[in-house]
Amino acid sequence: MRGKDAHPVLFWIGTVLLLIVLLAVLAGGSVALRGESAPTPTPLPLPTVTAPATPAGPLLSDSRGFVALPGKAAAAELRRETDAAPISSLRGQGFVGAVSGTGRRVAYWVSRTADGAASELRVFDVTAPDQDTTLATVLDTERGAAAVWSSDRTGIVAVVESSGRAGTGEAPGPFSALRVVDTPTRSIHEISRLTDGSQYWPVGWDRVTRLVGACVYGGPDATGIAWVVVGEDALSSRVPMEAGIPAITIRASGNDVLGVLNGSVLRVWTLASYNDHREFGAPSGERIGFAHWKPGTDEIVVLVADRLEIWPKAGGARRVVARGLPTASDLLVSSDGALAFVAFDGGANAMAVDLATGRTAPLPMSGSLLAAPISFR
């Protein structure tokens, strides 16, 4: 009887053990049924990684540069923004001339005599400065004193004055004349002359309307006396200017002209009409150091107190670009309107300012003064 009874007991014990194993499996995980896919395990969340911001590119570019002056008696040089070393030297001494609106073409007066009086107007492309050509020459009794490009870059307004040297005949008395040069044909003719001791500061030439705008200035502080509009046919009009606008502050952009009045007011007028104007004042107690047109826009880059600001030509809100700038000795704006250059320490040092973001960067300097911005593009 004991042998017969042992088989059922062993059977039930085995069944119980099998059930225990199955329950343990079911309790510890899921079982995939036939015909179903096994469940995909839920992935653990990954830590969020923020990609580092792409660093802003360098402000300075070797596609832009400057006409630089190593000294009054030395020849002017061409250099790039990124390197103070000269890449080319101009003829003559110093720099009396102008750069076109694109920054590519330079017209300047060259001296052919030992006394330094400029007598030859030359022009070149900054990408090939060794291929400069002569546009015009003046008499021994004359000297080139200034130049400015027309807005379409096809002509130059030049100022010619008496040199004080005796020529082959009787030397003329003191004079200051406006002469226009057509660069394609190299023709030159005089459109106006002053003989009262005052001088011309050329500002702009609109070849569509055939009008030249210039400031008549005089006195020890070289402030404006009158605004003169001269047609290419030599017919002109003359309007007295308010006292206190230094001729050197007067600049044109197309048909618009600006000048700084008494160091605290920015006056904007048109090439054809000095009386058609707007005036914008600096905050009380602050002075306007420099003002330049921002190329390709109706905005003005203004250095007021220790700030660089953008002022709309039509008025309205002004945008502060940078603060805490050193006391400036000069201000330049690149021909593409991207950067302003604030020179300080008498021009020995300079800082580039991004006009869009306000970022700054030191400009490599080697003792030469920055005379004008150029572009190699």
Protein backbone atom coordinates (compact mmCIF):
# COMPACT_ATOMS: atom_id res chain seq x y z
CA MET A 1 0.00 0.00 0.00
CA ARG A 2 2.84 2.45 0.72
CA GLY A 3 4.26 2.08 -2.82
CA LYS A 4 0.88 2.75 -4.45
CA ASP A 5 0.19 5.81 -2.29
CA ALA A 6 3.63 7.40 -3.06
CA HIS A 7 2.94 8.10 -6.76
CA PRO A 8 -0.04 10.43 -6.28
CA VAL A 9 1.81 12.33 -3.58
CA LEU A 10 4.86 12.86 -5.82
CA PHE A 11 2.61 13.97 -8.67
CA TRP A 12 0.93 16.62 -6.56
CA ILE A 13 4.22 17.84 -5.18
CA GLY A 14 5.61 18.23 -8.73
CA THR A 15 2.47 20.07 -9.85
CA VAL A 16 2.70 22.48 -6.93
CA LEU A 17 6.38 23.19 -7.63
CA LEU A 18 5.62 23.89 -11.32
CA LEU A 19 2.89 26.34 -10.37
CA ILE A 20 5.25 28.12 -7.99
CA VAL A 21 7.85 28.55 -10.77
CA LEU A 22 5.23 29.88 -13.23
CA LEU A 23 3.91 32.36 -10.70
CA ALA A 24 7.42 33.60 -10.02
CA VAL A 25 8.02 34.14 -13.73
CA LEU A 26 4.74 35.99 -14.16
CA ALA A 27 5.45 38.16 -11.13
CA GLY A 28 8.97 39.12 -12.36
CA GLY A 29 8.17 40.17 -15.96
CA SER A 30 5.71 40.01 -18.78
CA VAL A 31 5.26 37.04 -21.01
CA ALA A 32 4.85 37.48 -24.74
CA LEU A 33 1.93 35.59 -26.13
CA ARG A 34 2.16 33.72 -29.37
CA GLY A 35 1.49 36.06 -32.27
CA GLU A 36 2.47 39.23 -30.36
CA SER A 37 5.70 41.17 -30.44
CA ALA A 38 7.63 41.44 -27.27
CA PRO A 39 7.12 44.86 -25.69
CA THR A 40 9.88 47.35 -26.44
CA PRO A 41 11.56 48.50 -23.26
CA THR A 42 11.05 52.21 -22.57
CA PRO A 43 14.44 53.98 -23.02
CA LEU A 44 15.79 56.06 -20.19
CA PRO A 45 15.70 59.83 -20.88
CA LEU A 46 19.09 61.23 -22.00
CA PRO A 47 20.47 64.37 -20.38
CA THR A 48 19.84 67.53 -22.45
CA VAL A 49 23.04 68.82 -24.01
CA THR A 50 23.03 72.40 -25.23
CA ALA A 51 25.28 72.87 -28.24
CA PRO A 52 27.78 75.61 -27.61
CA ALA A 53 26.89 78.83 -29.40
CA THR A 54 28.85 79.36 -32.58
CA PRO A 55 31.43 82.03 -31.73
CA ALA A 56 30.99 85.26 -33.64
CA GLY A 57 33.42 85.68 -36.51
CA PRO A 58 36.29 88.15 -36.39
CA LEU A 59 35.39 91.80 -36.84
CA LEU A 60 38.41 92.69 -38.94
CA SER A 61 38.74 91.57 -42.54
CA ASP A 62 41.66 91.52 -44.93
CA SER A 63 39.21 92.45 -47.71
CA ARG A 64 39.08 95.97 -46.23
CA GLY A 65 41.84 98.37 -45.30
CA PHE A 66 43.03 101.95 -45.12
CA VAL A 67 45.09 104.66 -46.66
CA ALA A 68 47.53 105.34 -43.82
CA LEU A 69 50.03 108.11 -43.12
CA PRO A 70 53.34 107.13 -41.50
CA GLY A 71 54.38 110.80 -41.31
CA LYS A 72 53.74 114.22 -42.83
CA ALA A 73 56.74 114.07 -45.12
CA ALA A 74 56.38 110.37 -45.94
CA ALA A 75 54.44 108.75 -48.74
CA ALA A 76 51.00 107.44 -47.84
CA GLU A 77 50.56 103.67 -47.65
CA LEU A 78 47.86 101.09 -48.22
CA ARG A 79 47.27 98.51 -45.47
CA ARG A 80 44.68 95.93 -44.48
CA GLU A 81 42.48 95.98 -41.39
CA THR A 82 44.06 92.80 -40.09
CA ASP A 83 47.70 93.87 -40.43
CA ALA A 84 49.40 97.21 -39.88
CA ALA A 85 52.19 96.36 -42.32
CA PRO A 86 51.95 98.35 -45.58
CA ILE A 87 51.19 96.46 -48.77
CA SER A 88 51.90 99.38 -51.11
CA SER A 89 53.11 102.98 -51.07
CA LEU A 90 51.68 105.93 -52.96
CA ARG A 91 53.62 108.63 -54.77
CA GLY A 92 54.63 111.96 -53.29
CA GLN A 93 54.21 113.06 -49.69
CA GLY A 94 51.21 112.85 -47.40
CA PHE A 95 47.69 112.30 -48.69
CA VAL A 96 45.47 114.95 -50.24
CA GLY A 97 42.69 113.13 -52.01
CA ALA A 98 39.51 111.08 -51.76
CA VAL A 99 38.25 107.50 -51.89
CA SER A 100 35.20 106.58 -53.98
CA GLY A 101 31.99 105.40 -52.32
CA THR A 102 32.79 101.75 -52.99
CA GLY A 103 36.21 102.09 -51.39
CA ARG A 104 37.89 100.75 -54.53
CA ARG A 105 39.17 103.87 -56.32
CA VAL A 106 41.47 106.51 -54.91
CA ALA A 107 42.17 109.93 -56.41
CA TYR A 108 44.98 111.97 -54.89
CA TRP A 109 47.25 114.91 -55.56
CA VAL A 110 50.96 114.22 -56.08
CA SER A 111 53.82 116.68 -55.77
CA ARG A 112 56.36 116.82 -58.60
CA THR A 113 58.51 119.53 -57.02
CA ALA A 114 60.83 119.76 -54.03
CA ASP A 115 58.61 122.22 -52.16
CA GLY A 116 55.80 119.65 -51.91
CA ALA A 117 53.16 121.62 -53.81
CA ALA A 118 50.76 119.06 -55.35
CA SER A 119 50.52 119.48 -59.10
CA GLU A 120 49.31 116.15 -60.52
CA LEU A 121 45.97 114.41 -59.89
CA ARG A 122 46.29 110.63 -60.12
CA VAL A 123 43.81 107.78 -59.74
CA PHE A 124 44.13 104.04 -59.11
CA ASP A 125 42.21 100.94 -58.08
CA VAL A 126 43.30 99.67 -54.66
CA THR A 127 43.68 96.14 -56.04
CA ALA A 128 46.31 97.43 -58.49
CA PRO A 129 47.91 100.54 -56.95
CA ASP A 130 50.98 100.26 -59.17
CA GLN A 131 48.78 100.90 -62.21
CA ASP A 132 47.84 104.46 -61.26
CA THR A 133 47.24 106.96 -64.05
CA THR A 134 47.31 110.75 -64.35
CA LEU A 135 43.94 112.50 -64.61
CA ALA A 136 45.05 116.12 -64.65
CA THR A 137 47.98 118.44 -64.01
CA VAL A 138 48.11 122.09 -62.99
CA LEU A 139 50.45 124.98 -63.73
CA ASP A 140 53.58 125.74 -61.74
CA THR A 141 51.77 128.70 -60.17
CA GLU A 142 48.98 126.40 -58.94
CA ARG A 143 48.62 123.51 -56.51
CA GLY A 144 46.02 120.87 -55.83
CA ALA A 145 44.35 121.38 -52.46
CA ALA A 146 41.44 118.91 -52.19
CA ALA A 147 39.27 116.46 -54.11
CA VAL A 148 35.95 114.62 -53.81
CA TRP A 149 34.29 111.98 -55.99
CA SER A 150 30.94 112.47 -57.71
CA SER A 151 28.13 110.31 -56.32
CA ASP A 152 28.22 108.05 -59.41
CA ARG A 153 32.03 107.74 -59.24
CA THR A 154 32.54 109.01 -62.81
CA GLY A 155 33.97 112.38 -61.92
CA ILE A 156 36.00 114.33 -59.39
CA VAL A 157 35.60 117.82 -58.02
CA ALA A 158 39.07 119.24 -57.40
CA VAL A 159 40.12 122.38 -55.58
CA VAL A 160 43.10 124.21 -57.12
CA GLU A 161 44.75 127.16 -55.41
CA SER A 162 47.66 129.50 -56.06
CA SER A 163 50.97 127.88 -55.14
CA GLY A 164 52.84 131.10 -54.45
CA ARG A 165 55.54 130.09 -56.92
CA ALA A 166 56.48 132.27 -59.86
CA GLY A 167 55.90 130.66 -63.22
CA THR A 168 56.98 131.71 -66.67
CA GLY A 169 54.76 134.77 -66.46
CA GLU A 170 53.30 136.95 -63.73
CA ALA A 171 52.14 134.90 -60.75
CA PRO A 172 48.41 135.15 -60.11
CA GLY A 173 47.11 136.54 -56.83
CA PRO A 174 45.64 134.23 -54.19
CA PHE A 175 42.67 132.22 -55.44
CA SER A 176 40.72 129.04 -54.79
CA ALA A 177 38.98 127.38 -57.73
CA LEU A 178 36.58 124.49 -58.28
CA ARG A 179 37.42 122.32 -61.27
CA VAL A 180 35.49 119.26 -62.41
CA VAL A 181 37.23 116.26 -63.95
CA ASP A 182 35.41 113.68 -66.05
CA THR A 183 37.36 110.47 -65.34
CA PRO A 184 36.44 108.53 -68.52
CA THR A 185 37.59 111.33 -70.85
CA ARG A 186 40.05 113.03 -68.43
CA SER A 187 38.65 116.40 -69.43
CA ILE A 188 38.88 119.18 -66.84
CA HIS A 189 37.35 122.63 -66.64
CA GLU A 190 36.94 125.33 -64.03
CA ILE A 191 33.44 126.20 -62.81
CA SER A 192 34.07 128.72 -60.01
CA ARG A 193 36.88 130.82 -58.51
CA LEU A 194 37.29 132.79 -55.29
CA THR A 195 39.74 135.70 -55.12
CA ASP A 196 38.84 137.30 -51.78
CA GLY A 197 41.14 135.17 -49.64
CA SER A 198 38.49 132.58 -48.75
CA GLN A 199 38.82 128.95 -49.86
CA TYR A 200 36.68 126.15 -51.25
CA TRP A 201 35.97 122.83 -49.50
CA PRO A 202 34.46 120.44 -52.10
CA VAL A 203 31.54 118.37 -50.78
CA GLY A 204 29.63 116.62 -53.57
CA TRP A 205 28.76 116.39 -57.25
CA ASP A 206 25.45 115.07 -58.53
CA ARG A 207 25.97 114.36 -62.23
CA VAL A 208 22.25 113.74 -62.80
CA THR A 209 21.27 117.27 -61.79
CA ARG A 210 24.70 118.55 -62.91
CA LEU A 211 25.20 120.37 -59.60
CA VAL A 212 28.30 120.71 -57.44
CA GLY A 213 28.01 121.61 -53.75
CA ALA A 214 30.89 123.26 -51.89
CA CYS A 215 31.58 125.19 -48.71
CA VAL A 216 33.34 128.53 -48.74
CA TYR A 217 35.42 128.78 -45.56
CA GLY A 218 37.99 131.03 -43.97
CA GLY A 219 39.52 132.26 -40.73
CA PRO A 220 41.92 130.51 -38.37
CA ASP A 221 39.30 127.90 -37.40
CA ALA A 222 38.37 127.19 -41.05
CA THR A 223 34.62 127.50 -40.41
CA GLY A 224 32.04 127.75 -43.16
CA ILE A 225 31.12 131.16 -44.51
CA ALA A 226 28.75 130.27 -47.33
CA TRP A 227 27.22 127.30 -49.11
CA VAL A 228 27.74 127.44 -52.86
CA VAL A 229 25.88 125.40 -55.47
CA VAL A 230 27.55 125.53 -58.88
CA GLY A 231 26.18 124.05 -62.09
CA GLU A 232 28.50 122.41 -64.57
CA ASP A 233 27.66 125.41 -66.75
CA ALA A 234 29.24 127.67 -64.06
CA LEU A 235 25.93 129.25 -62.98
CA SER A 236 25.88 129.33 -59.20
CA SER A 237 24.05 130.37 -56.06
CA ARG A 238 25.55 131.38 -52.73
CA VAL A 239 23.83 131.25 -49.31
CA PRO A 240 25.40 132.46 -46.04
CA MET A 241 26.01 129.73 -43.45
CA GLU A 242 25.54 129.94 -39.69
CA ALA A 243 28.81 130.54 -37.90
CA GLY A 244 30.27 127.53 -36.15
CA ILE A 245 30.33 124.76 -38.77
CA PRO A 246 33.95 123.71 -39.44
CA ALA A 247 34.39 122.95 -43.12
CA ILE A 248 36.12 119.67 -42.35
CA THR A 249 32.94 118.32 -40.68
CA ILE A 250 30.85 118.76 -43.84
CA ARG A 251 30.27 115.50 -45.73
CA ALA A 252 27.91 114.32 -48.45
CA SER A 253 26.09 111.09 -49.14
CA GLY A 254 24.41 111.29 -52.52
CA ASN A 255 22.38 114.50 -52.39
CA ASP A 256 22.39 114.73 -48.59
CA VAL A 257 24.92 116.78 -46.65
CA LEU A 258 25.74 116.98 -42.94
CA GLY A 259 27.82 119.30 -40.80
CA VAL A 260 28.43 119.74 -37.06
CA LEU A 261 27.31 123.11 -35.70
CA ASN A 262 29.08 124.45 -32.58
CA GLY A 263 30.00 120.91 -31.54
CA SER A 264 26.51 120.16 -30.27
CA VAL A 265 24.08 120.21 -33.21
CA LEU A 266 24.01 118.03 -36.30
CA ARG A 267 22.67 119.95 -39.30
CA VAL A 268 21.48 118.01 -42.37
CA TRP A 269 20.69 119.71 -45.68
CA THR A 270 20.66 118.88 -49.38
CA LEU A 271 23.31 119.45 -51.99
CA ALA A 272 21.03 121.86 -53.84
CA SER A 273 19.69 123.80 -50.85
CA TYR A 274 21.37 124.77 -47.60
CA ASN A 275 18.10 126.23 -46.30
CA ASP A 276 16.21 122.96 -46.76
CA HIS A 277 17.52 121.41 -43.57
CA ARG A 278 16.96 119.58 -40.27
CA GLU A 279 18.84 119.97 -37.00
CA PHE A 280 19.45 117.34 -34.30
CA GLY A 281 20.97 118.28 -30.98
CA ALA A 282 23.17 116.31 -28.62
CA PRO A 283 21.94 115.84 -25.02
CA SER A 284 22.49 118.88 -22.85
CA GLY A 285 26.09 119.22 -21.74
CA GLU A 286 27.44 116.69 -24.28
CA ARG A 287 29.38 117.35 -27.45
CA ILE A 288 29.42 115.75 -30.86
CA GLY A 289 32.96 114.65 -31.60
CA PHE A 290 32.49 113.33 -35.13
CA ALA A 291 29.71 112.41 -37.53
CA HIS A 292 29.81 110.34 -40.72
CA TRP A 293 27.19 108.98 -43.06
CA LYS A 294 26.64 105.23 -42.79
CA PRO A 295 27.15 104.05 -46.41
CA GLY A 296 24.10 102.69 -48.19
CA THR A 297 21.63 103.99 -45.59
CA ASP A 298 19.83 107.12 -44.43
CA GLU A 299 21.62 106.90 -41.09
CA ILE A 300 24.45 108.83 -39.49
CA VAL A 301 27.19 107.41 -37.28
CA VAL A 302 27.70 109.92 -34.47
CA LEU A 303 30.34 109.96 -31.77
CA VAL A 304 28.80 111.91 -28.90
CA ALA A 305 30.52 112.10 -25.50
CA ASP A 306 31.88 108.55 -24.94
CA ARG A 307 29.18 106.82 -27.01
CA LEU A 308 28.88 105.72 -30.60
CA GLU A 309 25.31 106.14 -31.83
CA ILE A 310 23.23 105.76 -34.98
CA TRP A 311 20.96 108.72 -35.76
CA PRO A 312 18.28 108.47 -38.48
CA LYS A 313 18.50 111.22 -41.08
CA ALA A 314 14.75 111.84 -40.77
CA GLY A 315 14.86 112.05 -36.97
CA GLY A 316 13.41 109.62 -34.45
CA ALA A 317 14.89 107.13 -32.02
CA ARG A 318 18.66 106.97 -31.79
CA ARG A 319 20.45 103.68 -31.22
CA VAL A 320 23.43 103.45 -28.89
CA VAL A 321 26.01 101.11 -30.45
CA ALA A 322 28.80 101.29 -27.87
CA ARG A 323 29.54 103.10 -24.62
CA GLY A 324 32.62 103.93 -22.60
CA LEU A 325 34.82 104.67 -25.60
CA PRO A 326 38.14 106.48 -25.14
CA THR A 327 38.44 110.14 -26.06
CA ALA A 328 38.52 110.05 -29.85
CA SER A 329 40.89 111.88 -32.15
CA ASP A 330 39.16 110.69 -35.33
CA LEU A 331 36.31 108.52 -36.62
CA LEU A 332 36.14 106.51 -39.84
CA VAL A 333 33.40 104.25 -41.24
CA SER A 334 34.13 101.32 -43.55
CA SER A 335 32.84 101.64 -47.12
CA ASP A 336 30.40 98.74 -46.58
CA GLY A 337 28.94 100.38 -43.46
CA ALA A 338 29.80 97.40 -41.26
CA LEU A 339 32.39 98.92 -38.94
CA ALA A 340 33.33 102.22 -37.37
CA PHE A 341 36.92 102.92 -36.36
CA VAL A 342 37.54 105.13 -33.35
CA ALA A 343 41.08 106.49 -33.25
CA PHE A 344 42.50 107.73 -29.94
CA ASP A 345 45.81 108.62 -28.29
CA GLY A 346 46.34 111.13 -31.07
CA GLY A 347 45.73 108.45 -33.69
CA ALA A 348 48.37 106.07 -32.34
CA ASN A 349 45.69 103.53 -31.40
CA ALA A 350 42.31 102.61 -32.86
CA MET A 351 39.32 100.41 -32.07
CA ALA A 352 36.90 98.75 -34.49
CA VAL A 353 33.21 98.79 -33.53
CA ASP A 354 30.62 96.55 -35.17
CA LEU A 355 27.75 98.90 -36.03
CA ALA A 356 25.22 96.05 -35.89
CA THR A 357 26.16 94.43 -32.57
CA GLY A 358 28.42 96.88 -30.76
CA ARG A 359 31.26 94.35 -30.53
CA THR A 360 34.70 95.92 -30.42
CA ALA A 361 38.19 94.81 -31.35
CA PRO A 362 41.56 96.56 -31.26
CA LEU A 363 42.96 97.52 -34.63
CA PRO A 364 46.60 96.60 -35.34
CA MET A 365 48.59 99.84 -35.44
CA SER A 366 52.24 100.65 -36.13
CA GLY A 367 52.45 104.40 -35.67
CA SER A 368 50.74 105.41 -38.93
CA LEU A 369 47.58 107.53 -38.85
CA LEU A 370 44.44 106.27 -40.57
CA ALA A 371 43.50 108.64 -43.40
CA ALA A 372 40.65 106.90 -45.24
CA PRO A 373 38.96 103.47 -45.41
CA ILE A 374 39.31 101.38 -48.58
CA SER A 375 37.93 98.08 -49.87
CA PHE A 376 39.73 95.33 -51.79
CA ARG A 377 36.46 93.64 -52.79
